[in-house]
Amino acid sequence: MAMKYLVTWRERPTGSAAEYEAAQKRILSVFAVWDMPESLTFHQFLVRVGEFGGYAVIETDSAEDLQFLCTVFAAFSFTVEPVMDVMDAVAAESRGIEWRDALPTT
């Protein structure tokens, strides 16, 4: 079953301005030749203005390919959070409340 994930990334700190500039060049050179695994569907792919970092909403049924993505771009620090569409969440929550409300009260 495919899951959606909110992926946030930030550049890892570097030592000097020259190291920072070299890291940016390396990231762009890796990105230029990167082949995205077919199992990853990017619904949103956003960059924060003014820095090397951003957000993506990715759907996949392969946690391994998501781990692969995070490993390819090791210059970034990633946070990966499972998310769901709000209407699916409302349906699940309503089902849970209904079940809970059917319990006997003490």
Protein backbone atom coordinates (compact mmCIF):
# COMPACT_ATOMS: atom_id res chain seq x y z
CA MET A 1 0.00 0.00 0.00
CA ALA A 2 1.41 3.38 -0.99
CA MET A 3 1.98 5.91 1.78
CA LYS A 4 2.57 9.64 1.58
CA TYR A 5 5.50 11.23 3.37
CA LEU A 6 6.40 14.83 4.10
CA VAL A 7 10.15 15.03 3.56
CA THR A 8 12.06 18.03 4.91
CA TRP A 9 15.74 18.58 4.20
CA ARG A 10 18.39 21.01 5.35
CA GLU A 11 22.03 21.34 4.47
CA ARG A 12 24.40 19.76 6.92
CA PRO A 13 26.74 22.35 8.46
CA THR A 14 30.17 22.68 6.88
CA GLY A 15 33.37 24.20 8.18
CA SER A 16 34.33 27.10 5.94
CA ALA A 17 32.76 29.19 3.20
CA ALA A 18 34.86 27.28 0.64
CA GLU A 19 33.58 23.93 1.99
CA TYR A 20 30.01 25.23 1.87
CA GLU A 21 30.41 26.35 -1.74
CA ALA A 22 31.98 23.00 -2.66
CA ALA A 23 29.09 21.14 -1.00
CA GLN A 24 26.54 23.16 -2.99
CA LYS A 25 28.35 22.36 -6.25
CA ARG A 26 28.52 18.67 -5.35
CA ILE A 27 24.80 18.53 -4.53
CA LEU A 28 23.89 20.13 -7.86
CA SER A 29 26.20 17.79 -9.79
CA VAL A 30 24.63 14.75 -8.13
CA PHE A 31 21.10 16.10 -8.74
CA ALA A 32 21.88 16.69 -12.44
CA VAL A 33 22.49 12.97 -13.09
CA TRP A 34 20.19 11.42 -10.47
CA ASP A 35 17.63 8.89 -11.67
CA MET A 36 14.56 8.97 -9.44
CA PRO A 37 13.27 5.50 -8.55
CA GLU A 38 9.99 4.81 -10.35
CA SER A 39 8.31 3.96 -7.03
CA LEU A 40 8.60 7.58 -5.81
CA THR A 41 5.83 9.98 -6.87
CA PHE A 42 6.54 13.61 -5.99
CA HIS A 43 3.26 15.47 -5.44
CA GLN A 44 5.07 18.63 -4.28
CA PHE A 45 8.80 19.42 -4.56
CA LEU A 46 9.58 22.80 -2.98
CA VAL A 47 12.71 24.73 -2.01
CA ARG A 48 12.84 27.30 0.77
CA VAL A 49 13.80 30.64 -0.77
CA GLY A 50 17.26 31.81 0.20
CA GLU A 51 18.74 28.50 1.36
CA PHE A 52 19.57 24.97 0.25
CA GLY A 53 16.68 23.04 1.76
CA GLY A 54 13.03 22.38 1.24
CA TYR A 55 10.02 20.12 1.38
CA ALA A 56 8.51 17.34 -0.70
CA VAL A 57 5.32 15.34 -0.50
CA ILE A 58 6.31 11.92 -1.80
CA GLU A 59 4.09 8.88 -2.27
CA THR A 60 5.62 5.42 -2.34
CA ASP A 61 5.13 1.82 -1.33
CA SER A 62 8.91 1.37 -1.05
CA ALA A 63 10.55 2.62 2.13
CA GLU A 64 13.79 1.27 0.66
CA ASP A 65 13.64 3.71 -2.25
CA LEU A 66 12.93 6.57 0.14
CA GLN A 67 16.01 5.53 2.15
CA PHE A 68 17.97 5.39 -1.13
CA LEU A 69 16.92 8.98 -1.87
CA CYS A 70 18.12 10.16 1.55
CA THR A 71 21.43 8.33 1.08
CA VAL A 72 22.11 9.75 -2.40
CA PHE A 73 21.84 13.27 -1.04
CA ALA A 74 23.88 12.69 2.12
CA ALA A 75 24.92 16.37 2.23
CA PHE A 76 21.40 17.05 3.55
CA SER A 77 19.84 16.17 6.87
CA PHE A 78 16.38 14.66 6.26
CA THR A 79 13.21 14.38 8.33
CA VAL A 80 10.64 11.95 6.93
CA GLU A 81 7.10 11.98 8.36
CA PRO A 82 4.22 9.76 7.23
CA VAL A 83 1.16 11.86 6.36
CA MET A 84 -2.32 11.31 4.93
CA ASP A 85 -5.00 13.29 3.15
CA VAL A 86 -7.24 15.15 5.58
CA MET A 87 -10.46 13.48 4.40
CA ASP A 88 -8.93 10.02 4.92
CA ALA A 89 -7.87 11.10 8.41
CA VAL A 90 -11.36 12.42 9.19
CA ALA A 91 -12.90 9.10 8.09
CA ALA A 92 -10.48 7.10 10.28
CA GLU A 93 -11.01 9.41 13.25
CA SER A 94 -14.80 9.22 12.86
CA ARG A 95 -14.60 5.42 12.80
CA GLY A 96 -12.43 5.46 15.94
CA ILE A 97 -14.79 7.82 17.78
CA GLU A 98 -17.77 5.69 16.80
CA TRP A 99 -16.05 2.55 18.10
CA ARG A 100 -15.00 4.27 21.31
CA ASP A 101 -18.47 5.70 21.91
CA ALA A 102 -19.96 2.19 21.58
CA LEU A 103 -17.96 1.00 24.61
CA PRO A 104 -19.86 0.66 27.87
CA THR A 105 -19.28 3.51 30.29
CA THR A 106 -18.21 2.76 33.85
